[in-house]
PDB file of N, CA and C in Angstrom:
ATOM      1  N   MET A   1     -29.596 117.521 109.837  1.00  0.00           N
ATOM      2  CA  MET A   1     -30.429 116.468 110.461  1.00  0.00           C
ATOM      3  C   MET A   1     -31.741 116.471 110.467  1.00  0.00           C
ATOM      4  N   LEU A   2     -32.195 117.740 110.833  1.00  0.00           N
ATOM      5  CA  LEU A   2     -33.801 117.866 111.202  1.00  0.00           C
ATOM      6  C   LEU A   2     -34.509 118.113 109.896  1.00  0.00           C
ATOM      7  N   THR A   3     -33.732 118.169 108.536  1.00  0.00           N
ATOM      8  CA  THR A   3     -34.228 118.296 107.218  1.00  0.00           C
ATOM      9  C   THR A   3     -34.569 116.726 106.921  1.00  0.00           C
ATOM     10  N   LEU A   4     -33.473 116.000 107.324  1.00  0.00           N
ATOM     11  CA  LEU A   4     -33.356 114.591 106.917  1.00  0.00           C
ATOM     12  C   LEU A   4     -34.791 113.900 107.527  1.00  0.00           C
ATOM     13  N   VAL A   5     -34.936 114.120 108.923  1.00  0.00           N
ATOM     14  CA  VAL A   5     -35.983 113.477 109.546  1.00  0.00           C
ATOM     15  C   VAL A   5     -37.348 114.100 109.052  1.00  0.00           C
ATOM     16  N   GLY A   6     -37.363 115.327 108.641  1.00  0.00           N
ATOM     17  CA  GLY A   6     -38.501 115.801 108.391  1.00  0.00           C
ATOM     18  C   GLY A   6     -39.214 115.568 107.026  1.00  0.00           C
ATOM     19  N   SER A   7     -38.033 115.477 105.938  1.00  0.00           N
ATOM     20  CA  SER A   7     -38.369 115.063 104.814  1.00  0.00           C
ATOM     21  C   SER A   7     -38.682 113.381 104.677  1.00  0.00           C
ATOM     22  N   PHE A   8     -38.347 112.804 105.717  1.00  0.00           N
ATOM     23  CA  PHE A   8     -38.543 111.316 105.599  1.00  0.00           C
ATOM     24  C   PHE A   8     -40.005 111.284 106.213  1.00  0.00           C
ATOM     25  N   ALA A   9     -40.441 112.093 107.286  1.00  0.00           N
ATOM     26  CA  ALA A   9     -41.621 112.231 107.722  1.00  0.00           C
ATOM     27  C   ALA A   9     -42.658 112.345 106.698  1.00  0.00           C
ATOM     28  N   ILE A  10     -42.417 113.647 105.961  1.00  0.00           N
ATOM     29  CA  ILE A  10     -43.313 113.913 104.925  1.00  0.00           C
ATOM     30  C   ILE A  10     -43.579 112.916 104.046  1.00  0.00           C
ATOM     31  N   LEU A  11     -42.448 112.296 103.309  1.00  0.00           N
ATOM     32  CA  LEU A  11     -42.558 111.238 102.520  1.00  0.00           C
ATOM     33  C   LEU A  11     -43.487 110.073 103.081  1.00  0.00           C
ATOM     34  N   CYS A  12     -43.242 109.695 104.289  1.00  0.00           N
ATOM     35  CA  CYS A  12     -44.077 108.547 104.679  1.00  0.00           C
ATOM     36  C   CYS A  12     -45.509 109.013 104.825  1.00  0.00           C
ATOM     37  N   THR A  13     -45.742 110.161 105.242  1.00  0.00           N
ATOM     38  CA  THR A  13     -47.190 110.657 105.399  1.00  0.00           C
ATOM     39  C   THR A  13     -47.632 110.626 103.866  1.00  0.00           C
ATOM     40  N   ALA A  14     -47.271 111.205 103.158  1.00  0.00           N
ATOM     41  CA  ALA A  14     -47.518 111.277 101.517  1.00  0.00           C
ATOM     42  C   ALA A  14     -47.822 110.031 101.137  1.00  0.00           C
ATOM     43  N   HIS A  15     -46.921 109.054 101.335  1.00  0.00           N
ATOM     44  CA  HIS A  15     -46.924 107.933 100.724  1.00  0.00           C
ATOM     45  C   HIS A  15     -48.369 107.162 101.279  1.00  0.00           C
ATOM     46  N   LEU A  16     -48.487 107.066 102.720  1.00  0.00           N
ATOM     47  CA  LEU A  16     -49.701 106.571 103.112  1.00  0.00           C
ATOM     48  C   LEU A  16     -50.978 107.167 102.670  1.00  0.00           C
ATOM     49  N   ALA A  17     -50.820 108.475 102.546  1.00  0.00           N
ATOM     50  CA  ALA A  17     -52.197 109.257 101.975  1.00  0.00           C
ATOM     51  C   ALA A  17     -52.409 108.770 100.711  1.00  0.00           C
ATOM     52  N   LEU A  18     -51.472 108.665  99.887  1.00  0.00           N
ATOM     53  CA  LEU A  18     -51.606 108.046  98.395  1.00  0.00           C
ATOM     54  C   LEU A  18     -52.173 106.639  98.291  1.00  0.00           C
ATOM     55  N   ALA A  19     -51.568 105.718  99.250  1.00  0.00           N
ATOM     56  CA  ALA A  19     -52.200 104.426  99.254  1.00  0.00           C
ATOM     57  C   ALA A  19     -53.328 104.217  99.792  1.00  0.00           C
ATOM     58  N   LEU A  20     -53.777 105.205 100.719  1.00  0.00           N
ATOM     59  CA  LEU A  20     -55.191 105.028 101.360  1.00  0.00           C
ATOM     60  C   LEU A  20     -56.017 105.542 100.177  1.00  0.00           C
ATOM     61  N   GLY A  21     -55.816 106.866  99.631  1.00  0.00           N
ATOM     62  CA  GLY A  21     -56.487 107.366  98.554  1.00  0.00           C
ATOM     63  C   GLY A  21     -56.555 106.311  97.294  1.00  0.00           C
ATOM     64  N   LEU A  22     -55.693 105.798  96.866  1.00  0.00           N
ATOM     65  CA  LEU A  22     -55.616 104.844  95.857  1.00  0.00           C
ATOM     66  C   LEU A  22     -56.713 103.471  96.293  1.00  0.00           C
ATOM     67  N   THR A  23     -56.653 103.138  97.625  1.00  0.00           N
ATOM     68  CA  THR A  23     -57.642 102.213  97.874  1.00  0.00           C
ATOM     69  C   THR A  23     -59.070 102.372  97.923  1.00  0.00           C
ATOM     70  N   LEU A  24     -59.201 103.702  98.215  1.00  0.00           N
ATOM     71  CA  LEU A  24     -60.725 104.214  98.122  1.00  0.00           C
ATOM     72  C   LEU A  24     -61.129 104.156  96.731  1.00  0.00           C
ATOM     73  N   LYS A  25     -60.334 104.496  95.530  1.00  0.00           N
ATOM     74  CA  LYS A  25     -60.824 104.421  94.377  1.00  0.00           C
ATOM     75  C   LYS A  25     -60.803 103.156  93.622  1.00  0.00           C
ATOM     76  N   LYS A  26     -61.642 103.065  92.614  1.00  0.00           N
ATOM     77  CA  LYS A  26     -61.406 101.772  91.965  1.00  0.00           C
ATOM     78  C   LYS A  26     -60.518 101.875  90.846  1.00  0.00           C
ATOM     79  N   PRO A  27     -59.613 100.846  90.416  1.00  0.00           N
ATOM     80  CA  PRO A  27     -59.581  99.371  91.053  1.00  0.00           C
ATOM     81  C   PRO A  27     -58.915  99.712  92.522  1.00  0.00           C
ATOM     82  N   ARG A  28     -59.402  98.967  93.187  1.00  0.00           N
ATOM     83  CA  ARG A  28     -58.931  99.172  94.681  1.00  0.00           C
ATOM     84  C   ARG A  28     -57.611  98.222  94.906  1.00  0.00           C
ATOM     85  N   TRP A  29     -57.155  97.505  94.274  1.00  0.00           N
ATOM     86  CA  TRP A  29     -56.043  96.732  94.227  1.00  0.00           C
ATOM     87  C   TRP A  29     -54.639  97.745  94.157  1.00  0.00           C
ATOM     88  N   LYS A  30     -54.704  98.781  93.346  1.00  0.00           N
ATOM     89  CA  LYS A  30     -53.483  99.601  93.335  1.00  0.00           C
ATOM     90  C   LYS A  30     -53.138 100.171  94.735  1.00  0.00           C
ATOM     91  N   GLY A  31     -54.072 100.296  95.576  1.00  0.00           N
ATOM     92  CA  GLY A  31     -53.649 100.924  96.944  1.00  0.00           C
ATOM     93  C   GLY A  31     -52.638  99.907  97.828  1.00  0.00           C
ATOM     94  N   PRO A  32     -52.890  98.708  98.081  1.00  0.00           N
ATOM     95  CA  PRO A  32     -52.026  97.819  98.426  1.00  0.00           C
ATOM     96  C   PRO A  32     -50.923  97.492  97.658  1.00  0.00           C
ATOM     97  N   LEU A  33     -50.756  97.432  96.705  1.00  0.00           N
ATOM     98  CA  LEU A  33     -49.459  97.167  95.790  1.00  0.00           C
ATOM     99  C   LEU A  33     -48.784  98.532  95.807  1.00  0.00           C
ATOM    100  N   ALA A  34     -49.259  99.659  95.732  1.00  0.00           N
ATOM    101  CA  ALA A  34     -48.600 100.917  95.883  1.00  0.00           C
ATOM    102  C   ALA A  34     -47.806 100.979  97.231  1.00  0.00           C
ATOM    103  N   LEU A  35     -48.550 100.436  98.252  1.00  0.00           N
ATOM    104  CA  LEU A  35     -47.879 100.470  99.520  1.00  0.00           C
ATOM    105  C   LEU A  35     -46.670  99.823  99.591  1.00  0.00           C
ATOM    106  N   VAL A  36     -46.585  98.593  98.810  1.00  0.00           N
ATOM    107  CA  VAL A  36     -45.428  97.651  98.683  1.00  0.00           C
ATOM    108  C   VAL A  36     -44.580  98.306  97.803  1.00  0.00           C
ATOM    109  N   LEU A  37     -44.889  98.851  96.804  1.00  0.00           N
ATOM    110  CA  LEU A  37     -43.948  99.190  95.641  1.00  0.00           C
ATOM    111  C   LEU A  37     -43.944 100.780  95.700  1.00  0.00           C
ATOM    112  N   PRO A  38     -43.262 101.362  96.481  1.00  0.00           N
ATOM    113  CA  PRO A  38     -43.392 102.760  96.445  1.00  0.00           C
ATOM    114  C   PRO A  38     -43.280 103.827  95.140  1.00  0.00           C
ATOM    115  N   PRO A  39     -42.328 103.334  94.217  1.00  0.00           N
ATOM    116  CA  PRO A  39     -42.468 104.333  93.072  1.00  0.00           C
ATOM    117  C   PRO A  39     -43.867 104.319  92.469  1.00  0.00           C
ATOM    118  N   LEU A  40     -44.860 103.212  92.584  1.00  0.00           N
ATOM    119  CA  LEU A  40     -45.901 103.153  91.955  1.00  0.00           C
ATOM    120  C   LEU A  40     -47.091 104.320  92.702  1.00  0.00           C
ATOM    121  N   ALA A  41     -46.814 104.619  93.682  1.00  0.00           N
ATOM    122  CA  ALA A  41     -47.850 105.462  94.449  1.00  0.00           C
ATOM    123  C   ALA A  41     -47.895 106.852  93.878  1.00  0.00           C
ATOM    124  N   PRO A  42     -46.677 107.609  93.556  1.00  0.00           N
ATOM    125  CA  PRO A  42     -46.969 108.925  93.066  1.00  0.00           C
ATOM    126  C   PRO A  42     -47.412 108.881  91.535  1.00  0.00           C
ATOM    127  N   TYR A  43     -47.075 107.585  90.734  1.00  0.00           N
ATOM    128  CA  TYR A  43     -47.500 107.364  89.462  1.00  0.00           C
ATOM    129  C   TYR A  43     -49.015 107.299  89.338  1.00  0.00           C
ATOM    130  N   TRP A  44     -49.455 106.416  90.115  1.00  0.00           N
ATOM    131  CA  TRP A  44     -50.845 106.056  89.986  1.00  0.00           C
ATOM    132  C   TRP A  44     -51.863 107.228  90.731  1.00  0.00           C
ATOM    133  N   GLY A  45     -51.200 107.808  91.671  1.00  0.00           N
ATOM    134  CA  GLY A  45     -51.758 108.824  92.485  1.00  0.00           C
ATOM    135  C   GLY A  45     -52.051 110.030  91.620  1.00  0.00           C
ATOM    136  N   TYR A  46     -50.848 110.278  90.750  1.00  0.00           N
ATOM    137  CA  TYR A  46     -51.085 111.509  89.640  1.00  0.00           C
ATOM    138  C   TYR A  46     -52.136 111.039  88.486  1.00  0.00           C
ATOM    139  N   GLY A  47     -52.037 110.091  88.210  1.00  0.00           N
ATOM    140  CA  GLY A  47     -53.206 109.426  86.964  1.00  0.00           C
ATOM    141  C   GLY A  47     -54.646 109.461  87.876  1.00  0.00           C
ATOM    142  N   ALA A  48     -54.802 109.372  89.293  1.00  0.00           N
ATOM    143  CA  ALA A  48     -56.073 109.301  89.961  1.00  0.00           C
ATOM    144  C   ALA A  48     -56.332 110.748  90.430  1.00  0.00           C
ATOM    145  N   LYS A  49     -55.813 111.580  89.784  1.00  0.00           N
ATOM    146  CA  LYS A  49     -56.202 113.123  90.146  1.00  0.00           C
ATOM    147  C   LYS A  49     -55.753 113.450  91.560  1.00  0.00           C
ATOM    148  N   MET A  50     -54.986 112.902  92.123  1.00  0.00           N
ATOM    149  CA  MET A  50     -54.477 113.185  93.386  1.00  0.00           C
ATOM    150  C   MET A  50     -52.995 113.848  93.276  1.00  0.00           C
ATOM    151  N   ARG A  51     -52.900 115.011  92.519  1.00  0.00           N
ATOM    152  CA  ARG A  51     -51.720 115.651  91.868  1.00  0.00           C
ATOM    153  C   ARG A  51     -51.017 116.293  93.248  1.00  0.00           C
ATOM    154  N   VAL A  52     -51.704 116.704  94.118  1.00  0.00           N
ATOM    155  CA  VAL A  52     -50.872 117.449  94.983  1.00  0.00           C
ATOM    156  C   VAL A  52     -49.969 116.490  95.897  1.00  0.00           C
ATOM    157  N   ARG A  53     -50.726 115.450  96.353  1.00  0.00           N
ATOM    158  CA  ARG A  53     -50.165 114.391  97.222  1.00  0.00           C
ATOM    159  C   ARG A  53     -49.062 113.727  96.021  1.00  0.00           C
ATOM    160  N   ALA A  54     -49.004 113.611  95.039  1.00  0.00           N
ATOM    161  CA  ALA A  54     -48.065 112.848  94.205  1.00  0.00           C
ATOM    162  C   ALA A  54     -46.749 113.911  94.062  1.00  0.00           C
ATOM    163  N   VAL A  55     -47.006 115.061  93.699  1.00  0.00           N
ATOM    164  CA  VAL A  55     -46.119 115.925  93.982  1.00  0.00           C
ATOM    165  C   VAL A  55     -45.337 116.170  95.088  1.00  0.00           C
ATOM    166  N   LEU A  56     -46.145 116.262  96.130  1.00  0.00           N
ATOM    167  CA  LEU A  56     -45.422 116.093  97.578  1.00  0.00           C
ATOM    168  C   LEU A  56     -44.789 114.908  97.781  1.00  0.00           C
ATOM    169  N   TRP A  57     -45.087 113.874  97.282  1.00  0.00           N
ATOM    170  CA  TRP A  57     -44.232 112.623  97.622  1.00  0.00           C
ATOM    171  C   TRP A  57     -42.904 112.757  96.670  1.00  0.00           C
ATOM    172  N   VAL A  58     -43.043 113.224  95.658  1.00  0.00           N
ATOM    173  CA  VAL A  58     -41.712 113.105  94.779  1.00  0.00           C
ATOM    174  C   VAL A  58     -40.767 114.354  95.289  1.00  0.00           C
ATOM    175  N   ALA A  59     -41.421 115.497  95.716  1.00  0.00           N
ATOM    176  CA  ALA A  59     -40.338 116.490  96.334  1.00  0.00           C
ATOM    177  C   ALA A  59     -39.867 116.003  97.750  1.00  0.00           C
ATOM    178  N   ALA A  60     -40.676 115.398  98.508  1.00  0.00           N
ATOM    179  CA  ALA A  60     -40.201 115.025  99.813  1.00  0.00           C
ATOM    180  C   ALA A  60     -39.016 113.773  99.520  1.00  0.00           C
ATOM    181  N   PHE A  61     -39.550 112.986  98.480  1.00  0.00           N
ATOM    182  CA  PHE A  61     -38.328 111.990  98.261  1.00  0.00           C
ATOM    183  C   PHE A  61     -36.971 112.520  97.688  1.00  0.00           C
ATOM    184  N   CYS A  62     -37.018 113.571  96.781  1.00  0.00           N
ATOM    185  CA  CYS A  62     -35.925 114.266  96.279  1.00  0.00           C
ATOM    186  C   CYS A  62     -35.068 115.123  97.499  1.00  0.00           C
ATOM    187  N   VAL A  63     -35.762 115.814  98.327  1.00  0.00           N
ATOM    188  CA  VAL A  63     -35.178 116.320  99.533  1.00  0.00           C
ATOM    189  C   VAL A  63     -34.489 115.380 100.565  1.00  0.00           C
ATOM    190  N   TYR A  64     -35.081 114.281 100.708  1.00  0.00           N
ATOM    191  CA  TYR A  64     -34.460 113.281 101.285  1.00  0.00           C
ATOM    192  C   TYR A  64     -33.560 112.827 100.657  1.00  0.00           C
ATOM    193  N   VAL A  65     -33.264 112.387  99.587  1.00  0.00           N
ATOM    194  CA  VAL A  65     -32.220 111.690  98.847  1.00  0.00           C
ATOM    195  C   VAL A  65     -31.089 112.613  99.164  1.00  0.00           C
ATOM    196  N   LEU A  66     -31.462 114.091  98.830  1.00  0.00           N
ATOM    197  CA  LEU A  66     -30.426 115.116  98.669  1.00  0.00           C
ATOM    198  C   LEU A  66     -29.694 115.112 100.113  1.00  0.00           C
ATOM    199  N   CYS A  67     -30.441 115.230 101.345  1.00  0.00           N
ATOM    200  CA  CYS A  67     -30.174 115.076 102.807  1.00  0.00           C
ATOM    201  C   CYS A  67     -29.159 113.829 102.911  1.00  0.00           C
ATOM    202  N   LEU A  68     -29.593 112.566 102.407  1.00  0.00           N
ATOM    203  CA  LEU A  68     -28.585 111.644 102.566  1.00  0.00           C
ATOM    204  C   LEU A  68     -27.327 111.873 101.926  1.00  0.00           C
ATOM    205  N   VAL A  69     -27.376 112.124 100.857  1.00  0.00           N
ATOM    206  CA  VAL A  69     -26.146 112.390  99.992  1.00  0.00           C
ATOM    207  C   VAL A  69     -25.283 113.431 100.728  1.00  0.00           C
ATOM    208  N   ALA A  70     -25.766 114.743 101.356  1.00  0.00           N
ATOM    209  CA  ALA A  70     -25.209 115.684 102.068  1.00  0.00           C
ATOM    210  C   ALA A  70     -24.604 114.996 103.415  1.00  0.00           C
ATOM    211  N   ALA A  71     -25.466 114.141 104.123  1.00  0.00           N
ATOM    212  CA  ALA A  71     -24.863 113.515 105.236  1.00  0.00           C
ATOM    213  C   ALA A  71     -23.647 112.614 105.004  1.00  0.00           C
ATOM    214  N   GLY A  72     -23.788 111.988 104.064  1.00  0.00           N
ATOM    215  CA  GLY A  72     -22.724 110.914 103.398  1.00  0.00           C
ATOM    216  C   GLY A  72     -21.478 111.799 103.355  1.00  0.00           C
ATOM    217  N   ILE A  73     -21.442 113.052 102.542  1.00  0.00           N
ATOM    218  CA  ILE A  73     -20.435 113.416 102.194  1.00  0.00           C
ATOM    219  C   ILE A  73     -19.751 114.414 103.643  1.00  0.00           C
ATOM    220  N   LYS A  74     -20.349 114.766 104.442  1.00  0.00           N
ATOM    221  CA  LYS A  74     -20.020 115.265 105.809  1.00  0.00           C
ATOM    222  C   LYS A  74     -19.229 114.179 106.597  1.00  0.00           C
ATOM    223  N   ALA A  75     -19.762 112.965 106.431  1.00  0.00           N
ATOM    224  CA  ALA A  75     -19.249 111.995 107.238  1.00  0.00           C
ATOM    225  C   ALA A  75     -17.832 111.534 106.872  1.00  0.00           C
TER     226      ALA A  75
END
């Protein structure tokens, strides 16, 4: 349960950091759009040289999905 909450918190933080970083770079429209369409955030972030944030986003998403699956199996 703690891993599920922790991975979701990291995912949200990385997502907001990517959206803010994309908003500060040109073209600025990518930031708000990535905030609404989450899969675009790591894709555009990796292309904008925010590789650590993008990799962290993908890793947190994978851990979150695995935790959800594990929680579903236990229930």
